[in-house]
Amino acid sequence: MAEKCGYCCTKIRNINVSFGKKEVLKNVNIHIHCGKLTVIIGENGAGKSTLIKAILGEVKHGGVILFRDKENSGDKIKIGYVPQRLDIENSPATVYDVVTSYTSNSPVFAIKSKNKYEEIKKHLKEFGADKLIDSKINSLSGGQLQRVMLAIATMPYPDLLLLDEPISGIDRNGKEQFYKTIAELKENHDLAIILVSHDFEYVKKYADKVILLDKTIIAKGKPEEVLKSKEFIERFGEV
């Protein structure tokens, strides 16, 4: 288990995004301490995925993203990312090949390194996916693929883990396992995690903080506070 430093945090300050004259995000401010799960919720078109892309630097934005820990203070931050889906789902490559291609400079057709194989297998085991290492990526179930994607995103472990609705279409058992894995990650590795989700039942159970987004932050706080707020009920009804 990672030592709780009590100081490291990620600060997202005044993020603004516009596409032409269309304002997509306005003055978004989020402060996340390590070891905490912050869930972003909102209607379709509220800017959730755009916020994730802004943090990743994939869309032009105003504002700054800062990471603070015991040793440093600045904007250099290791980010792990799990999207809604990967374009490799139809690939005949094995899990080992895919993990290697994302986490190593070595070509996937290089001679298989025993040390690298064991390193990847050990990391996959943390996600209950070590037995999948030789499986074809296109043979995995949705839940299995998500566990592999989490392993890729955390090898090495990042300062900030971004999860953009990564369990869409997964059954109830898969969702429960996913959220349990996220809870273990934040606890054992002291990760700051931002998750975009519509699964309000699991959000209520697992989130430390919930942010309701509609181009700007219109409600934030503990799950029970936000899910009972007027702003939430106006958009989603009572849950």
Protein backbone atom coordinates (compact mmCIF):
# COMPACT_ATOMS: atom_id res chain seq x y z
CA MET A 1 0.00 0.00 0.00
CA ALA A 2 1.30 3.43 -0.91
CA GLU A 3 2.12 5.78 1.93
CA LYS A 4 -0.44 8.55 2.18
CA CYS A 5 1.51 11.74 1.71
CA GLY A 6 -1.37 14.03 2.66
CA TYR A 7 -0.03 16.72 0.37
CA CYS A 8 0.05 15.70 -3.28
CA CYS A 9 -2.82 16.90 -5.39
CA THR A 10 -3.93 17.81 -8.90
CA LYS A 11 -5.29 21.30 -9.52
CA ILE A 12 -7.30 22.07 -12.65
CA ARG A 13 -7.72 25.83 -12.83
CA ASN A 14 -10.01 27.90 -15.03
CA ILE A 15 -10.27 25.46 -17.92
CA ASN A 16 -12.04 27.04 -20.88
CA VAL A 17 -12.68 25.45 -24.27
CA SER A 18 -14.37 26.96 -27.32
CA PHE A 19 -14.85 25.54 -30.80
CA GLY A 20 -15.17 28.62 -32.96
CA LYS A 21 -17.85 30.76 -31.35
CA LYS A 22 -19.30 27.81 -29.43
CA GLU A 23 -18.31 27.80 -25.77
CA VAL A 24 -17.97 24.20 -24.57
CA LEU A 25 -16.34 24.63 -21.15
CA LYS A 26 -16.20 27.73 -18.97
CA ASN A 27 -14.08 28.33 -15.86
CA VAL A 28 -13.87 24.71 -14.72
CA ASN A 29 -11.94 24.35 -11.46
CA ILE A 30 -11.25 20.98 -9.86
CA HIS A 31 -8.96 20.13 -6.94
CA ILE A 32 -8.20 16.46 -6.36
CA HIS A 33 -6.02 15.01 -3.64
CA CYS A 34 -4.21 11.74 -4.25
CA GLY A 35 -6.12 8.72 -3.07
CA LYS A 36 -9.45 10.27 -4.05
CA LEU A 37 -12.00 9.40 -6.75
CA THR A 38 -13.72 12.38 -8.35
CA VAL A 39 -16.63 11.49 -10.65
CA ILE A 40 -17.80 13.85 -13.39
CA ILE A 41 -21.48 13.53 -14.30
CA GLY A 42 -23.70 15.48 -16.66
CA GLU A 43 -26.03 15.21 -19.61
CA ASN A 44 -24.85 14.42 -23.13
CA GLY A 45 -23.14 17.50 -24.54
CA ALA A 46 -22.29 18.89 -21.09
CA GLY A 47 -18.55 18.88 -21.90
CA LYS A 48 -17.42 15.84 -19.91
CA SER A 49 -15.33 14.18 -22.63
CA THR A 50 -14.06 17.57 -23.78
CA LEU A 51 -12.77 18.18 -20.25
CA ILE A 52 -10.90 14.87 -20.34
CA LYS A 53 -9.39 15.77 -23.73
CA ALA A 54 -8.39 19.20 -22.41
CA ILE A 55 -6.57 17.61 -19.47
CA LEU A 56 -4.83 15.26 -21.90
CA GLY A 57 -3.84 18.21 -24.09
CA GLU A 58 -5.81 16.88 -27.05
CA VAL A 59 -7.90 20.05 -27.41
CA LYS A 60 -6.77 23.64 -27.14
CA HIS A 61 -7.83 25.22 -23.88
CA GLY A 62 -7.31 28.10 -21.54
CA GLY A 63 -6.33 27.56 -17.91
CA VAL A 64 -3.68 25.43 -16.25
CA ILE A 65 -3.27 21.96 -14.79
CA LEU A 66 -0.85 21.63 -11.88
CA PHE A 67 0.44 18.70 -9.87
CA ARG A 68 1.93 19.08 -6.41
CA ASP A 69 3.77 16.53 -4.31
CA LYS A 70 6.52 16.41 -1.68
CA GLU A 71 9.33 16.78 -4.19
CA ASN A 72 8.05 19.06 -6.88
CA SER A 73 5.56 21.65 -7.89
CA GLY A 74 4.71 22.37 -11.48
CA ASP A 75 2.86 21.21 -14.54
CA LYS A 76 4.75 18.01 -15.40
CA ILE A 77 2.39 15.23 -14.52
CA LYS A 78 2.15 11.56 -15.45
CA ILE A 79 -1.35 10.84 -16.73
CA GLY A 80 -2.94 7.44 -17.32
CA TYR A 81 -6.01 7.26 -19.56
CA VAL A 82 -8.73 4.70 -20.28
CA PRO A 83 -11.11 5.73 -23.09
CA GLN A 84 -14.59 4.40 -23.80
CA ARG A 85 -13.10 1.96 -26.30
CA LEU A 86 -9.85 1.09 -28.02
CA ASP A 87 -9.36 0.72 -31.76
CA ILE A 88 -7.47 -2.51 -31.13
CA GLU A 89 -10.55 -4.58 -30.28
CA ASN A 90 -10.50 -6.32 -33.68
CA SER A 91 -6.74 -6.91 -33.60
CA PRO A 92 -5.46 -10.52 -33.62
CA ALA A 93 -2.62 -9.49 -31.27
CA THR A 94 -2.33 -11.04 -27.82
CA VAL A 95 -2.74 -9.15 -24.57
CA TYR A 96 1.03 -9.35 -24.10
CA ASP A 97 1.60 -7.81 -27.53
CA VAL A 98 -0.84 -4.96 -26.88
CA VAL A 99 0.50 -4.13 -23.42
CA THR A 100 4.06 -4.20 -24.79
CA SER A 101 3.17 -1.89 -27.68
CA TYR A 102 1.66 0.68 -25.31
CA THR A 103 4.25 0.51 -22.55
CA SER A 104 7.56 -0.20 -24.29
CA ASN A 105 9.69 1.19 -27.10
CA SER A 106 10.35 -2.32 -28.34
CA PRO A 107 8.47 -3.44 -31.48
CA VAL A 108 5.79 -6.03 -30.75
CA PHE A 109 7.36 -8.44 -33.25
CA ALA A 110 10.66 -8.48 -31.34
CA ILE A 111 11.72 -11.68 -29.61
CA LYS A 112 9.64 -12.06 -26.46
CA SER A 113 11.60 -11.07 -23.37
CA LYS A 114 11.06 -13.43 -20.44
CA ASN A 115 11.66 -10.60 -17.95
CA LYS A 116 9.23 -8.31 -19.76
CA TYR A 117 6.67 -11.10 -19.96
CA GLU A 118 6.87 -11.76 -16.22
CA GLU A 119 6.75 -8.01 -15.46
CA ILE A 120 3.58 -7.59 -17.51
CA LYS A 121 2.01 -10.74 -16.07
CA LYS A 122 2.69 -9.52 -12.53
CA HIS A 123 1.08 -6.16 -13.29
CA LEU A 124 -1.93 -7.78 -14.96
CA LYS A 125 -2.42 -9.90 -11.84
CA GLU A 126 -3.28 -6.76 -9.86
CA PHE A 127 -6.31 -6.45 -12.12
CA GLY A 128 -7.22 -10.12 -12.14
CA ALA A 129 -6.05 -10.35 -15.76
CA ASP A 130 -2.78 -12.30 -15.56
CA LYS A 131 -4.36 -15.43 -17.04
CA LEU A 132 -5.31 -13.40 -20.12
CA ILE A 133 -1.73 -12.54 -21.09
CA ASP A 134 -1.61 -15.00 -24.01
CA SER A 135 -5.24 -14.44 -25.09
CA LYS A 136 -6.09 -12.66 -28.33
CA ILE A 137 -7.32 -9.15 -27.56
CA ASN A 138 -10.31 -9.66 -29.88
CA SER A 139 -11.47 -12.67 -27.84
CA LEU A 140 -11.90 -10.77 -24.57
CA SER A 141 -15.23 -9.88 -23.02
CA GLY A 142 -15.99 -6.23 -22.29
CA GLY A 143 -15.07 -6.62 -18.64
CA GLN A 144 -11.82 -8.44 -19.44
CA LEU A 145 -10.84 -5.76 -21.96
CA GLN A 146 -11.44 -3.03 -19.39
CA ARG A 147 -9.14 -4.76 -16.90
CA VAL A 148 -6.41 -4.94 -19.55
CA MET A 149 -6.94 -1.27 -20.43
CA LEU A 150 -6.60 -0.31 -16.76
CA ALA A 151 -3.37 -2.30 -16.58
CA ILE A 152 -2.01 -0.44 -19.61
CA ALA A 153 -3.01 2.95 -18.17
CA THR A 154 -1.23 2.24 -14.89
CA MET A 155 2.05 0.87 -16.20
CA PRO A 156 3.82 2.77 -14.76
CA TYR A 157 1.45 4.16 -12.15
CA PRO A 158 0.49 7.74 -13.01
CA ASP A 159 -0.10 10.80 -10.85
CA LEU A 160 -3.57 11.20 -12.35
CA LEU A 161 -5.78 8.50 -13.86
CA LEU A 162 -8.49 9.59 -16.30
CA LEU A 163 -11.40 7.25 -17.06
CA ASP A 164 -13.87 8.39 -19.73
CA GLU A 165 -16.98 6.21 -19.38
CA PRO A 166 -14.86 3.08 -19.73
CA ILE A 167 -17.57 0.57 -18.78
CA SER A 168 -20.32 1.46 -21.25
CA GLY A 169 -22.11 -1.73 -22.27
CA ILE A 170 -20.61 -3.90 -19.53
CA ASP A 171 -22.92 -6.05 -17.43
CA ARG A 172 -23.66 -5.46 -13.75
CA ASN A 173 -21.05 -7.91 -12.47
CA GLY A 174 -18.42 -6.31 -14.68
CA LYS A 175 -19.31 -2.84 -13.43
CA GLU A 176 -19.13 -3.91 -9.79
CA GLN A 177 -15.72 -5.47 -10.36
CA PHE A 178 -14.52 -2.37 -12.17
CA TYR A 179 -15.47 -0.03 -9.33
CA LYS A 180 -13.93 -2.35 -6.76
CA THR A 181 -10.70 -2.29 -8.76
CA ILE A 182 -10.77 1.51 -8.88
CA ALA A 183 -11.29 1.63 -5.11
CA GLU A 184 -8.27 -0.63 -4.60
CA LEU A 185 -6.16 1.46 -6.98
CA LYS A 186 -6.81 4.73 -5.18
CA GLU A 187 -6.22 3.11 -1.80
CA ASN A 188 -3.17 1.00 -2.58
CA HIS A 189 -1.39 3.38 -4.95
CA ASP A 190 -2.63 6.76 -3.69
CA LEU A 191 -3.88 7.75 -7.16
CA ALA A 192 -5.89 10.83 -8.01
CA ILE A 193 -8.66 9.56 -10.28
CA ILE A 194 -11.19 11.37 -12.46
CA LEU A 195 -14.00 9.18 -13.79
CA VAL A 196 -16.75 10.19 -16.22
CA SER A 197 -19.81 8.08 -15.46
CA HIS A 198 -23.59 7.76 -15.75
CA ASP A 199 -23.77 4.88 -13.28
CA PHE A 200 -25.29 6.82 -10.39
CA GLU A 201 -25.74 3.75 -8.20
CA TYR A 202 -22.00 3.07 -8.26
CA VAL A 203 -21.12 6.76 -8.13
CA LYS A 204 -23.05 7.06 -4.86
CA LYS A 205 -21.29 4.01 -3.45
CA TYR A 206 -17.68 4.64 -4.51
CA ALA A 207 -17.05 8.33 -5.27
CA ASP A 208 -15.32 10.67 -2.84
CA LYS A 209 -16.49 13.74 -4.72
CA VAL A 210 -19.05 14.27 -7.49
CA ILE A 211 -19.04 17.15 -9.95
CA LEU A 212 -22.14 17.95 -12.01
CA LEU A 213 -21.00 19.57 -15.23
CA ASP A 214 -23.01 21.62 -17.70
CA LYS A 215 -20.26 23.51 -19.54
CA THR A 216 -19.31 24.83 -16.12
CA ILE A 217 -19.55 23.25 -12.67
CA ILE A 218 -23.11 23.68 -11.41
CA ALA A 219 -22.91 21.40 -8.36
CA LYS A 220 -20.13 19.63 -6.48
CA GLY A 221 -19.63 17.86 -3.19
CA LYS A 222 -20.15 14.45 -1.64
CA PRO A 223 -22.22 11.99 -3.71
CA GLU A 224 -25.32 12.23 -1.51
CA GLU A 225 -25.22 16.02 -1.68
CA VAL A 226 -24.95 16.29 -5.45
CA LEU A 227 -27.39 13.45 -6.25
CA LYS A 228 -30.03 15.16 -4.08
CA SER A 229 -29.35 18.65 -5.38
CA LYS A 230 -31.93 20.68 -7.28
CA GLU A 231 -29.57 20.91 -10.25
CA PHE A 232 -29.22 17.13 -10.47
CA ILE A 233 -32.93 16.39 -10.03
CA GLU A 234 -33.83 18.90 -12.75
CA ARG A 235 -31.69 16.94 -15.20
CA PHE A 236 -31.99 13.31 -14.11
CA GLY A 237 -34.86 13.07 -11.62
CA GLU A 238 -34.53 11.45 -8.22
CA VAL A 239 -32.29 8.41 -7.79
